[in-house]
Amino acid sequence: MTRTTGLDFAALQVRDVDASATFYKDVLGLTEAPEGPPHAVVFATEPIPFAVREPMVDLDAVDRLGWGVALWFKADDVDGVHARVVAAGRPILTEPFDGPFGRTFAFADPDGYAITVHA
């Protein structure tokens, strides 16, 4: 029997690829990968690449994007990322706290996706 071995790529469909890419680069500190398709910006995240891409559906027809999906980014300075997210004016969904995954907080990205950052 064939099997699936695990998650290999993650992407968010966004309203404005350039604006979202700038947010993830400037606020979260992600680095853009050297190559990517014309409809997306791929980041050199490890171990799984992450991208923001043009939508394949009408995003405005949905009340809340990504409801129930959890995307977590690992960071070496969670409080520093939190400060940049606050400075960027993004809503904080969960204030920083120390938990089983280390220092953790969650915020809404420019399209309203819930994003968690942890140590």
PDB file of N, CA and C in Angstrom:
ATOM      1  N   MET A   1       0.838  -1.176   0.000  1.00  0.00           N
ATOM      2  CA  MET A   1       0.000   0.000   0.000  1.00  0.00           C
ATOM      3  C   MET A   1       0.886   1.244   0.000  1.00  0.00           C
ATOM      4  N   THR A   2       0.509   2.224  -0.796  1.00  0.00           N
ATOM      5  CA  THR A   2       1.249   3.481  -0.794  1.00  0.00           C
ATOM      6  C   THR A   2       0.855   4.289   0.426  1.00  0.00           C
ATOM      7  N   ARG A   3       1.719   5.212   0.814  1.00  0.00           N
ATOM      8  CA  ARG A   3       1.407   6.023   1.987  1.00  0.00           C
ATOM      9  C   ARG A   3       1.886   7.448   1.774  1.00  0.00           C
ATOM     10  N   THR A   4       1.287   8.341   2.479  1.00  0.00           N
ATOM     11  CA  THR A   4       1.712   9.733   2.497  1.00  0.00           C
ATOM     12  C   THR A   4       2.684   9.876   3.652  1.00  0.00           C
ATOM     13  N   THR A   5       3.827  10.523   3.400  1.00  0.00           N
ATOM     14  CA  THR A   5       4.875  10.569   4.418  1.00  0.00           C
ATOM     15  C   THR A   5       4.877  11.826   5.266  1.00  0.00           C
ATOM     16  N   GLY A   6       4.130  12.850   4.880  1.00  0.00           N
ATOM     17  CA  GLY A   6       4.070  14.042   5.722  1.00  0.00           C
ATOM     18  C   GLY A   6       3.868  15.310   4.918  1.00  0.00           C
ATOM     19  N   LEU A   7       3.647  16.390   5.638  1.00  0.00           N
ATOM     20  CA  LEU A   7       3.453  17.693   5.017  1.00  0.00           C
ATOM     21  C   LEU A   7       4.755  18.124   4.354  1.00  0.00           C
ATOM     22  N   ASP A   8       4.678  18.600   3.111  1.00  0.00           N
ATOM     23  CA  ASP A   8       5.871  18.950   2.350  1.00  0.00           C
ATOM     24  C   ASP A   8       5.882  20.407   1.892  1.00  0.00           C
ATOM     25  N   PHE A   9       4.739  21.086   1.973  1.00  0.00           N
ATOM     26  CA  PHE A   9       4.647  22.465   1.510  1.00  0.00           C
ATOM     27  C   PHE A   9       3.392  23.083   2.114  1.00  0.00           C
ATOM     28  N   ALA A  10       3.452  24.355   2.485  1.00  0.00           N
ATOM     29  CA  ALA A  10       2.278  25.051   3.020  1.00  0.00           C
ATOM     30  C   ALA A  10       2.168  26.409   2.332  1.00  0.00           C
ATOM     31  N   ALA A  11       0.958  26.773   1.934  1.00  0.00           N
ATOM     32  CA  ALA A  11       0.737  28.063   1.282  1.00  0.00           C
ATOM     33  C   ALA A  11      -0.600  28.646   1.723  1.00  0.00           C
ATOM     34  N   LEU A  12      -0.636  29.960   1.811  1.00  0.00           N
ATOM     35  CA  LEU A  12      -1.879  30.679   2.079  1.00  0.00           C
ATOM     36  C   LEU A  12      -2.299  31.410   0.813  1.00  0.00           C
ATOM     37  N   GLN A  13      -3.569  31.302   0.459  1.00  0.00           N
ATOM     38  CA  GLN A  13      -4.116  32.083  -0.639  1.00  0.00           C
ATOM     39  C   GLN A  13      -4.456  33.462  -0.077  1.00  0.00           C
ATOM     40  N   VAL A  14      -3.930  34.508  -0.712  1.00  0.00           N
ATOM     41  CA  VAL A  14      -4.070  35.862  -0.176  1.00  0.00           C
ATOM     42  C   VAL A  14      -4.633  36.812  -1.231  1.00  0.00           C
ATOM     43  N   ARG A  15      -5.178  37.925  -0.755  1.00  0.00           N
ATOM     44  CA  ARG A  15      -5.773  38.917  -1.660  1.00  0.00           C
ATOM     45  C   ARG A  15      -4.710  39.716  -2.421  1.00  0.00           C
ATOM     46  N   ASP A  16      -3.580  39.996  -1.779  1.00  0.00           N
ATOM     47  CA  ASP A  16      -2.519  40.810  -2.379  1.00  0.00           C
ATOM     48  C   ASP A  16      -1.184  40.136  -2.076  1.00  0.00           C
ATOM     49  N   VAL A  17      -0.655  39.412  -3.053  1.00  0.00           N
ATOM     50  CA  VAL A  17       0.574  38.636  -2.848  1.00  0.00           C
ATOM     51  C   VAL A  17       1.726  39.539  -2.428  1.00  0.00           C
ATOM     52  N   ASP A  18       1.902  40.673  -3.111  1.00  0.00           N
ATOM     53  CA  ASP A  18       3.024  41.557  -2.784  1.00  0.00           C
ATOM     54  C   ASP A  18       2.923  42.101  -1.364  1.00  0.00           C
ATOM     55  N   ALA A  19       1.733  42.540  -0.961  1.00  0.00           N
ATOM     56  CA  ALA A  19       1.557  43.079   0.393  1.00  0.00           C
ATOM     57  C   ALA A  19       1.782  41.996   1.443  1.00  0.00           C
ATOM     58  N   SER A  20       1.256  40.803   1.209  1.00  0.00           N
ATOM     59  CA  SER A  20       1.450  39.715   2.172  1.00  0.00           C
ATOM     60  C   SER A  20       2.911  39.293   2.235  1.00  0.00           C
ATOM     61  N   ALA A  21       3.568  39.212   1.082  1.00  0.00           N
ATOM     62  CA  ALA A  21       4.987  38.842   1.064  1.00  0.00           C
ATOM     63  C   ALA A  21       5.813  39.868   1.832  1.00  0.00           C
ATOM     64  N   THR A  22       5.516  41.140   1.632  1.00  0.00           N
ATOM     65  CA  THR A  22       6.229  42.194   2.363  1.00  0.00           C
ATOM     66  C   THR A  22       6.006  42.055   3.860  1.00  0.00           C
ATOM     67  N   PHE A  23       4.771  41.777   4.283  1.00  0.00           N
ATOM     68  CA  PHE A  23       4.479  41.582   5.701  1.00  0.00           C
ATOM     69  C   PHE A  23       5.303  40.428   6.265  1.00  0.00           C
ATOM     70  N   TYR A  24       5.288  39.283   5.616  1.00  0.00           N
ATOM     71  CA  TYR A  24       6.004  38.121   6.144  1.00  0.00           C
ATOM     72  C   TYR A  24       7.518  38.334   6.130  1.00  0.00           C
ATOM     73  N   LYS A  25       8.033  39.096   5.157  1.00  0.00           N
ATOM     74  CA  LYS A  25       9.470  39.397   5.140  1.00  0.00           C
ATOM     75  C   LYS A  25       9.829  40.429   6.210  1.00  0.00           C
ATOM     76  N   ASP A  26       9.107  41.543   6.235  1.00  0.00           N
ATOM     77  CA  ASP A  26       9.473  42.651   7.115  1.00  0.00           C
ATOM     78  C   ASP A  26       9.099  42.429   8.573  1.00  0.00           C
ATOM     79  N   VAL A  27       7.975  41.794   8.833  1.00  0.00           N
ATOM     80  CA  VAL A  27       7.496  41.650  10.209  1.00  0.00           C
ATOM     81  C   VAL A  27       7.936  40.325  10.826  1.00  0.00           C
ATOM     82  N   LEU A  28       7.796  39.218  10.099  1.00  0.00           N
ATOM     83  CA  LEU A  28       8.218  37.929  10.648  1.00  0.00           C
ATOM     84  C   LEU A  28       9.687  37.627  10.368  1.00  0.00           C
ATOM     85  N   GLY A  29      10.286  38.335   9.419  1.00  0.00           N
ATOM     86  CA  GLY A  29      11.696  38.128   9.113  1.00  0.00           C
ATOM     87  C   GLY A  29      11.969  36.940   8.206  1.00  0.00           C
ATOM     88  N   LEU A  30      10.952  36.488   7.452  1.00  0.00           N
ATOM     89  CA  LEU A  30      11.173  35.364   6.543  1.00  0.00           C
ATOM     90  C   LEU A  30      12.013  35.807   5.355  1.00  0.00           C
ATOM     91  N   THR A  31      12.745  34.859   4.772  1.00  0.00           N
ATOM     92  CA  THR A  31      13.589  35.114   3.615  1.00  0.00           C
ATOM     93  C   THR A  31      12.950  34.496   2.381  1.00  0.00           C
ATOM     94  N   GLU A  32      12.847  35.282   1.325  1.00  0.00           N
ATOM     95  CA  GLU A  32      12.267  34.775   0.088  1.00  0.00           C
ATOM     96  C   GLU A  32      13.210  33.762  -0.553  1.00  0.00           C
ATOM     97  N   ALA A  33      12.656  32.655  -1.031  1.00  0.00           N
ATOM     98  CA  ALA A  33      13.442  31.638  -1.725  1.00  0.00           C
ATOM     99  C   ALA A  33      13.914  32.199  -3.068  1.00  0.00           C
ATOM    100  N   PRO A  34      15.051  31.705  -3.572  1.00  0.00           N
ATOM    101  CA  PRO A  34      15.572  32.244  -4.829  1.00  0.00           C
ATOM    102  C   PRO A  34      14.675  31.984  -6.039  1.00  0.00           C
ATOM    103  N   GLU A  35      13.853  30.940  -5.984  1.00  0.00           N
ATOM    104  CA  GLU A  35      12.982  30.624  -7.112  1.00  0.00           C
ATOM    105  C   GLU A  35      11.571  30.338  -6.620  1.00  0.00           C
ATOM    106  N   GLY A  36      10.603  30.662  -7.460  1.00  0.00           N
ATOM    107  CA  GLY A  36       9.208  30.383  -7.146  1.00  0.00           C
ATOM    108  C   GLY A  36       8.359  30.614  -8.373  1.00  0.00           C
ATOM    109  N   PRO A  37       7.141  30.119  -8.369  1.00  0.00           N
ATOM    110  CA  PRO A  37       6.262  30.313  -9.519  1.00  0.00           C
ATOM    111  C   PRO A  37       5.800  31.764  -9.613  1.00  0.00           C
ATOM    112  N   PRO A  38       5.336  32.189 -10.793  1.00  0.00           N
ATOM    113  CA  PRO A  38       4.945  33.593 -10.965  1.00  0.00           C
ATOM    114  C   PRO A  38       3.718  34.012 -10.155  1.00  0.00           C
ATOM    115  N   HIS A  39       2.925  33.078  -9.690  1.00  0.00           N
ATOM    116  CA  HIS A  39       1.696  33.405  -8.962  1.00  0.00           C
ATOM    117  C   HIS A  39       1.868  33.352  -7.443  1.00  0.00           C
ATOM    118  N   ALA A  40       3.119  33.209  -6.981  1.00  0.00           N
ATOM    119  CA  ALA A  40       3.344  33.047  -5.542  1.00  0.00           C
ATOM    120  C   ALA A  40       4.705  33.588  -5.143  1.00  0.00           C
ATOM    121  N   VAL A  41       4.849  33.850  -3.849  1.00  0.00           N
ATOM    122  CA  VAL A  41       6.159  34.127  -3.263  1.00  0.00           C
ATOM    123  C   VAL A  41       6.416  32.995  -2.283  1.00  0.00           C
ATOM    124  N   VAL A  42       7.513  32.273  -2.516  1.00  0.00           N
ATOM    125  CA  VAL A  42       7.896  31.142  -1.677  1.00  0.00           C
ATOM    126  C   VAL A  42       9.005  31.607  -0.745  1.00  0.00           C
ATOM    127  N   PHE A  43       8.919  31.197   0.514  1.00  0.00           N
ATOM    128  CA  PHE A  43       9.922  31.565   1.504  1.00  0.00           C
ATOM    129  C   PHE A  43      10.802  30.365   1.824  1.00  0.00           C
ATOM    130  N   ALA A  44      12.040  30.631   2.174  1.00  0.00           N
ATOM    131  CA  ALA A  44      13.012  29.587   2.496  1.00  0.00           C
ATOM    132  C   ALA A  44      12.880  29.192   3.962  1.00  0.00           C
ATOM    133  N   THR A  45      11.702  28.710   4.337  1.00  0.00           N
ATOM    134  CA  THR A  45      11.468  28.241   5.701  1.00  0.00           C
ATOM    135  C   THR A  45      11.840  26.767   5.776  1.00  0.00           C
ATOM    136  N   GLU A  46      12.238  26.329   6.960  1.00  0.00           N
ATOM    137  CA  GLU A  46      12.653  24.934   7.122  1.00  0.00           C
ATOM    138  C   GLU A  46      11.962  24.306   8.308  1.00  0.00           C
ATOM    139  N   PRO A  47      11.631  23.055   8.260  1.00  0.00           N
ATOM    140  CA  PRO A  47      11.951  22.121   7.183  1.00  0.00           C
ATOM    141  C   PRO A  47      10.947  22.149   6.036  1.00  0.00           C
ATOM    142  N   ILE A  48       9.880  22.916   6.148  1.00  0.00           N
ATOM    143  CA  ILE A  48       8.831  22.918   5.130  1.00  0.00           C
ATOM    144  C   ILE A  48       8.729  24.307   4.506  1.00  0.00           C
ATOM    145  N   PRO A  49       8.826  24.414   3.171  1.00  0.00           N
ATOM    146  CA  PRO A  49       8.652  25.714   2.530  1.00  0.00           C
ATOM    147  C   PRO A  49       7.239  26.259   2.764  1.00  0.00           C
ATOM    148  N   PHE A  50       7.159  27.583   2.861  1.00  0.00           N
ATOM    149  CA  PHE A  50       5.898  28.290   3.060  1.00  0.00           C
ATOM    150  C   PHE A  50       5.766  29.329   1.953  1.00  0.00           C
ATOM    151  N   ALA A  51       4.537  29.567   1.489  1.00  0.00           N
ATOM    152  CA  ALA A  51       4.320  30.551   0.428  1.00  0.00           C
ATOM    153  C   ALA A  51       3.025  31.315   0.645  1.00  0.00           C
ATOM    154  N   VAL A  52       2.971  32.491   0.041  1.00  0.00           N
ATOM    155  CA  VAL A  52       1.716  33.212  -0.130  1.00  0.00           C
ATOM    156  C   VAL A  52       1.464  33.216  -1.632  1.00  0.00           C
ATOM    157  N   ARG A  53       0.224  32.973  -2.025  1.00  0.00           N
ATOM    158  CA  ARG A  53      -0.069  32.802  -3.446  1.00  0.00           C
ATOM    159  C   ARG A  53      -1.372  33.479  -3.830  1.00  0.00           C
ATOM    160  N   GLU A  54      -1.519  33.668  -5.142  1.00  0.00           N
ATOM    161  CA  GLU A  54      -2.777  34.191  -5.665  1.00  0.00           C
ATOM    162  C   GLU A  54      -3.892  33.215  -5.314  1.00  0.00           C
ATOM    163  N   PRO A  55      -5.090  33.725  -5.070  1.00  0.00           N
ATOM    164  CA  PRO A  55      -6.187  32.829  -4.686  1.00  0.00           C
ATOM    165  C   PRO A  55      -6.680  31.973  -5.848  1.00  0.00           C
ATOM    166  N   MET A  56      -7.142  30.793  -5.496  1.00  0.00           N
ATOM    167  CA  MET A  56      -7.763  29.888  -6.462  1.00  0.00           C
ATOM    168  C   MET A  56      -9.279  29.908  -6.301  1.00  0.00           C
ATOM    169  N   VAL A  57      -9.760  30.677  -5.325  1.00  0.00           N
ATOM    170  CA  VAL A  57     -11.189  30.834  -5.059  1.00  0.00           C
ATOM    171  C   VAL A  57     -11.452  32.313  -4.768  1.00  0.00           C
ATOM    172  N   ASP A  58     -12.706  32.689  -4.686  1.00  0.00           N
ATOM    173  CA  ASP A  58     -13.080  34.061  -4.336  1.00  0.00           C
ATOM    174  C   ASP A  58     -12.955  34.228  -2.823  1.00  0.00           C
ATOM    175  N   LEU A  59     -11.866  34.834  -2.377  1.00  0.00           N
ATOM    176  CA  LEU A  59     -11.625  34.983  -0.944  1.00  0.00           C
ATOM    177  C   LEU A  59     -12.654  35.885  -0.272  1.00  0.00           C
ATOM    178  N   ASP A  60     -13.238  36.795  -1.021  1.00  0.00           N
ATOM    179  CA  ASP A  60     -14.234  37.693  -0.431  1.00  0.00           C
ATOM    180  C   ASP A  60     -15.582  37.015  -0.205  1.00  0.00           C
ATOM    181  N   ALA A  61     -15.762  35.818  -0.759  1.00  0.00           N
ATOM    182  CA  ALA A  61     -17.010  35.074  -0.564  1.00  0.00           C
ATOM    183  C   ALA A  61     -16.990  34.260   0.731  1.00  0.00           C
ATOM    184  N   VAL A  62     -15.859  34.301   1.437  1.00  0.00           N
ATOM    185  CA  VAL A  62     -15.687  33.526   2.665  1.00  0.00           C
ATOM    186  C   VAL A  62     -15.719  34.476   3.857  1.00  0.00           C
ATOM    187  N   ASP A  63     -16.444  34.107   4.907  1.00  0.00           N
ATOM    188  CA  ASP A  63     -16.522  34.962   6.096  1.00  0.00           C
ATOM    189  C   ASP A  63     -15.179  35.082   6.807  1.00  0.00           C
ATOM    190  N   ARG A  64     -14.504  33.954   6.997  1.00  0.00           N
ATOM    191  CA  ARG A  64     -13.226  33.975   7.709  1.00  0.00           C
ATOM    192  C   ARG A  64     -12.299  32.953   7.072  1.00  0.00           C
ATOM    193  N   LEU A  65     -11.148  33.425   6.608  1.00  0.00           N
ATOM    194  CA  LEU A  65     -10.193  32.550   5.945  1.00  0.00           C
ATOM    195  C   LEU A  65      -9.483  31.640   6.933  1.00  0.00           C
ATOM    196  N   GLY A  66      -9.278  30.401   6.538  1.00  0.00           N
ATOM    197  CA  GLY A  66      -8.477  29.473   7.322  1.00  0.00           C
ATOM    198  C   GLY A  66      -9.080  29.038   8.636  1.00  0.00           C
ATOM    199  N   TRP A  67     -10.382  29.183   8.797  1.00  0.00           N
ATOM    200  CA  TRP A  67     -11.032  28.819  10.055  1.00  0.00           C
ATOM    201  C   TRP A  67     -10.669  27.388  10.421  1.00  0.00           C
ATOM    202  N   GLY A  68     -10.068  27.199  11.584  1.00  0.00           N
ATOM    203  CA  GLY A  68      -9.716  25.871  12.065  1.00  0.00           C
ATOM    204  C   GLY A  68      -8.336  25.386  11.664  1.00  0.00           C
ATOM    205  N   VAL A  69      -7.631  26.113  10.811  1.00  0.00           N
ATOM    206  CA  VAL A  69      -6.284  25.724  10.393  1.00  0.00           C
ATOM    207  C   VAL A  69      -5.274  26.371  11.332  1.00  0.00           C
ATOM    208  N   ALA A  70      -4.261  25.603  11.728  1.00  0.00           N
ATOM    209  CA  ALA A  70      -3.225  26.130  12.623  1.00  0.00           C
ATOM    210  C   ALA A  70      -1.880  26.142  11.897  1.00  0.00           C
ATOM    211  N   LEU A  71      -1.316  27.324  11.692  1.00  0.00           N
ATOM    212  CA  LEU A  71       0.029  27.456  11.140  1.00  0.00           C
ATOM    213  C   LEU A  71       0.923  28.049  12.218  1.00  0.00           C
ATOM    214  N   TRP A  72       1.997  27.346  12.515  1.00  0.00           N
ATOM    215  CA  TRP A  72       2.926  27.763  13.563  1.00  0.00           C
ATOM    216  C   TRP A  72       4.296  28.015  12.948  1.00  0.00           C
ATOM    217  N   PHE A  73       4.886  29.163  13.289  1.00  0.00           N
ATOM    218  CA  PHE A  73       6.236  29.498  12.863  1.00  0.00           C
ATOM    219  C   PHE A  73       7.153  29.480  14.079  1.00  0.00           C
ATOM    220  N   LYS A  74       8.322  28.888  13.929  1.00  0.00           N
ATOM    221  CA  LYS A  74       9.321  28.859  14.996  1.00  0.00           C
ATOM    222  C   LYS A  74      10.178  30.116  14.871  1.00  0.00           C
ATOM    223  N   ALA A  75      10.471  30.756  16.001  1.00  0.00           N
ATOM    224  CA  ALA A  75      11.282  31.973  16.008  1.00  0.00           C
ATOM    225  C   ALA A  75      12.276  31.923  17.158  1.00  0.00           C
ATOM    226  N   ASP A  76      13.416  32.575  16.971  1.00  0.00           N
ATOM    227  CA  ASP A  76      14.409  32.604  18.049  1.00  0.00           C
ATOM    228  C   ASP A  76      14.166  33.748  19.027  1.00  0.00           C
ATOM    229  N   ASP A  77      13.335  34.717  18.652  1.00  0.00           N
ATOM    230  CA  ASP A  77      13.012  35.841  19.533  1.00  0.00           C
ATOM    231  C   ASP A  77      11.513  36.138  19.426  1.00  0.00           C
ATOM    232  N   VAL A  78      10.718  35.365  20.131  1.00  0.00           N
ATOM    233  CA  VAL A  78       9.260  35.484  20.052  1.00  0.00           C
ATOM    234  C   VAL A  78       8.799  36.877  20.463  1.00  0.00           C
ATOM    235  N   ASP A  79       9.372  37.419  21.536  1.00  0.00           N
ATOM    236  CA  ASP A  79       8.955  38.750  21.988  1.00  0.00           C
ATOM    237  C   ASP A  79       9.318  39.825  20.966  1.00  0.00           C
ATOM    238  N   GLY A  80      10.445  39.659  20.282  1.00  0.00           N
ATOM    239  CA  GLY A  80      10.818  40.599  19.228  1.00  0.00           C
ATOM    240  C   GLY A  80       9.849  40.553  18.057  1.00  0.00           C
ATOM    241  N   VAL A  81       9.449  39.340  17.658  1.00  0.00           N
ATOM    242  CA  VAL A  81       8.461  39.202  16.585  1.00  0.00           C
ATOM    243  C   VAL A  81       7.131  39.805  17.030  1.00  0.00           C
ATOM    244  N   HIS A  82       6.745  39.540  18.272  1.00  0.00           N
ATOM    245  CA  HIS A  82       5.499  40.104  18.810  1.00  0.00           C
ATOM    246  C   HIS A  82       5.529  41.628  18.715  1.00  0.00           C
ATOM    247  N   ALA A  83       6.636  42.239  19.099  1.00  0.00           N
ATOM    248  CA  ALA A  83       6.748  43.701  19.044  1.00  0.00           C
ATOM    249  C   ALA A  83       6.592  44.211  17.614  1.00  0.00           C
ATOM    250  N   ARG A  84       7.179  43.507  16.631  1.00  0.00           N
ATOM    251  CA  ARG A  84       7.052  43.927  15.233  1.00  0.00           C
ATOM    252  C   ARG A  84       5.618  43.757  14.730  1.00  0.00           C
ATOM    253  N   VAL A  85       4.953  42.678  15.154  1.00  0.00           N
ATOM    254  CA  VAL A  85       3.554  42.456  14.758  1.00  0.00           C
ATOM    255  C   VAL A  85       2.666  43.568  15.328  1.00  0.00           C
ATOM    256  N   VAL A  86       2.882  43.911  16.595  1.00  0.00           N
ATOM    257  CA  VAL A  86       2.115  44.998  17.223  1.00  0.00           C
ATOM    258  C   VAL A  86       2.384  46.312  16.493  1.00  0.00           C
ATOM    259  N   ALA A  87       3.658  46.590  16.190  1.00  0.00           N
ATOM    260  CA  ALA A  87       4.014  47.824  15.490  1.00  0.00           C
ATOM    261  C   ALA A  87       3.388  47.880  14.097  1.00  0.00           C
ATOM    262  N   ALA A  88       3.179  46.709  13.488  1.00  0.00           N
ATOM    263  CA  ALA A  88       2.553  46.648  12.162  1.00  0.00           C
ATOM    264  C   ALA A  88       1.036  46.796  12.241  1.00  0.00           C
ATOM    265  N   GLY A  89       0.498  46.863  13.467  1.00  0.00           N
ATOM    266  CA  GLY A  89      -0.932  47.077  13.646  1.00  0.00           C
ATOM    267  C   GLY A  89      -1.799  45.845  13.482  1.00  0.00           C
ATOM    268  N   ARG A  90      -1.200  44.664  13.554  1.00  0.00           N
ATOM    269  CA  ARG A  90      -1.972  43.430  13.400  1.00  0.00           C
ATOM    270  C   ARG A  90      -2.629  43.054  14.716  1.00  0.00           C
ATOM    271  N   PRO A  91      -3.851  42.536  14.683  1.00  0.00           N
ATOM    272  CA  PRO A  91      -4.530  42.111  15.915  1.00  0.00           C
ATOM    273  C   PRO A  91      -3.815  40.927  16.569  1.00  0.00           C
ATOM    274  N   ILE A  92      -3.618  41.019  17.873  1.00  0.00           N
ATOM    275  CA  ILE A  92      -3.033  39.916  18.640  1.00  0.00           C
ATOM    276  C   ILE A  92      -4.190  39.040  19.114  1.00  0.00           C
ATOM    277  N   LEU A  93      -4.141  37.766  18.760  1.00  0.00           N
ATOM    278  CA  LEU A  93      -5.198  36.824  19.139  1.00  0.00           C
ATOM    279  C   LEU A  93      -4.920  36.184  20.489  1.00  0.00           C
ATOM    280  N   THR A  94      -3.648  35.925  20.771  1.00  0.00           N
ATOM    281  CA  THR A  94      -3.213  35.381  22.061  1.00  0.00           C
ATOM    282  C   THR A  94      -1.934  36.099  22.452  1.00  0.00           C
ATOM    283  N   GLU A  95      -1.945  36.766  23.584  1.00  0.00           N
ATOM    284  CA  GLU A  95      -0.746  37.457  24.062  1.00  0.00           C
ATOM    285  C   GLU A  95       0.355  36.435  24.369  1.00  0.00           C
ATOM    286  N   PRO A  96       1.629  36.857  24.343  1.00  0.00           N
ATOM    287  CA  PRO A  96       2.719  35.922  24.621  1.00  0.00           C
ATOM    288  C   PRO A  96       2.568  35.248  25.987  1.00  0.00           C
ATOM    289  N   PHE A  97       2.866  33.956  26.005  1.00  0.00           N
ATOM    290  CA  PHE A  97       2.842  33.173  27.241  1.00  0.00           C
ATOM    291  C   PHE A  97       3.873  32.064  27.118  1.00  0.00           C
ATOM    292  N   ASP A  98       4.272  31.516  28.252  1.00  0.00           N
ATOM    293  CA  ASP A  98       5.202  30.391  28.273  1.00  0.00           C
ATOM    294  C   ASP A  98       4.398  29.111  28.408  1.00  0.00           C
ATOM    295  N   GLY A  99       4.539  28.216  27.432  1.00  0.00           N
ATOM    296  CA  GLY A  99       3.770  26.981  27.414  1.00  0.00           C
ATOM    297  C   GLY A  99       4.620  25.802  26.989  1.00  0.00           C
ATOM    298  N   PRO A 100       3.989  24.686  26.621  1.00  0.00           N
ATOM    299  CA  PRO A 100       4.727  23.474  26.280  1.00  0.00           C
ATOM    300  C   PRO A 100       5.608  23.612  25.037  1.00  0.00           C
ATOM    301  N   PHE A 101       5.334  24.590  24.178  1.00  0.00           N
ATOM    302  CA  PHE A 101       6.159  24.818  22.992  1.00  0.00           C
ATOM    303  C   PHE A 101       7.063  26.035  23.176  1.00  0.00           C
ATOM    304  N   GLY A 102       7.292  26.423  24.437  1.00  0.00           N
ATOM    305  CA  GLY A 102       8.101  27.595  24.724  1.00  0.00           C
ATOM    306  C   GLY A 102       7.257  28.856  24.640  1.00  0.00           C
ATOM    307  N   ARG A 103       7.927  29.979  24.512  1.00  0.00           N
ATOM    308  CA  ARG A 103       7.244  31.269  24.405  1.00  0.00           C
ATOM    309  C   ARG A 103       6.369  31.246  23.154  1.00  0.00           C
ATOM    310  N   THR A 104       5.106  31.654  23.276  1.00  0.00           N
ATOM    311  CA  THR A 104       4.140  31.504  22.186  1.00  0.00           C
ATOM    312  C   THR A 104       3.181  32.692  22.159  1.00  0.00           C
ATOM    313  N   PHE A 105       2.781  33.119  20.953  1.00  0.00           N
ATOM    314  CA  PHE A 105       1.678  34.068  20.801  1.00  0.00           C
ATOM    315  C   PHE A 105       1.039  33.849  19.434  1.00  0.00           C
ATOM    316  N   ALA A 106      -0.146  34.398  19.243  1.00  0.00           N
ATOM    317  CA  ALA A 106      -0.846  34.271  17.964  1.00  0.00           C
ATOM    318  C   ALA A 106      -1.387  35.631  17.539  1.00  0.00           C
ATOM    319  N   PHE A 107      -1.465  35.833  16.226  1.00  0.00           N
ATOM    320  CA  PHE A 107      -1.955  37.090  15.670  1.00  0.00           C
ATOM    321  C   PHE A 107      -2.709  36.814  14.378  1.00  0.00           C
ATOM    322  N   ALA A 108      -3.417  37.817  13.876  1.00  0.00           N
ATOM    323  CA  ALA A 108      -4.095  37.734  12.584  1.00  0.00           C
ATOM    324  C   ALA A 108      -3.229  38.420  11.533  1.00  0.00           C
ATOM    325  N   ASP A 109      -2.929  37.700  10.454  1.00  0.00           N
ATOM    326  CA  ASP A 109      -2.104  38.285   9.393  1.00  0.00           C
ATOM    327  C   ASP A 109      -2.955  39.240   8.544  1.00  0.00           C
ATOM    328  N   PRO A 110      -2.391  39.869   7.500  1.00  0.00           N
ATOM    329  CA  PRO A 110      -3.153  40.857   6.730  1.00  0.00           C
ATOM    330  C   PRO A 110      -4.459  40.342   6.118  1.00  0.00           C
ATOM    331  N   ASP A 111      -4.569  39.034   5.889  1.00  0.00           N
ATOM    332  CA  ASP A 111      -5.810  38.477   5.347  1.00  0.00           C
ATOM    333  C   ASP A 111      -6.702  37.892   6.425  1.00  0.00           C
ATOM    334  N   GLY A 112      -6.272  37.977   7.682  1.00  0.00           N
ATOM    335  CA  GLY A 112      -7.075  37.462   8.782  1.00  0.00           C
ATOM    336  C   GLY A 112      -6.760  36.034   9.195  1.00  0.00           C
ATOM    337  N   TYR A 113      -5.769  35.411   8.556  1.00  0.00           N
ATOM    338  CA  TYR A 113      -5.373  34.067   8.973  1.00  0.00           C
ATOM    339  C   TYR A 113      -4.769  34.122  10.371  1.00  0.00           C
ATOM    340  N   ALA A 114      -5.099  33.139  11.197  1.00  0.00           N
ATOM    341  CA  ALA A 114      -4.507  33.045  12.533  1.00  0.00           C
ATOM    342  C   ALA A 114      -3.131  32.402  12.405  1.00  0.00           C
ATOM    343  N   ILE A 115      -2.107  33.109  12.854  1.00  0.00           N
ATOM    344  CA  ILE A 115      -0.725  32.642  12.777  1.00  0.00           C
ATOM    345  C   ILE A 115      -0.168  32.597  14.192  1.00  0.00           C
ATOM    346  N   THR A 116       0.485  31.495  14.535  1.00  0.00           N
ATOM    347  CA  THR A 116       1.113  31.342  15.843  1.00  0.00           C
ATOM    348  C   THR A 116       2.624  31.368  15.671  1.00  0.00           C
ATOM    349  N   VAL A 117       3.304  32.039  16.584  1.00  0.00           N
ATOM    350  CA  VAL A 117       4.768  32.073  16.617  1.00  0.00           C
ATOM    351  C   VAL A 117       5.189  31.498  17.953  1.00  0.00           C
ATOM    352  N   HIS A 118       6.184  30.601  17.926  1.00  0.00           N
ATOM    353  CA  HIS A 118       6.655  29.983  19.171  1.00  0.00           C
ATOM    354  C   HIS A 118       8.168  29.834  19.137  1.00  0.00           C
ATOM    355  N   ALA A 119       8.737  29.609  20.331  1.00  0.00           N
ATOM    356  CA  ALA A 119      10.192  29.450  20.443  1.00  0.00           C
ATOM    357  C   ALA A 119      10.609  28.042  20.094  1.00  0.00           C
TER     358      ALA A 119
END
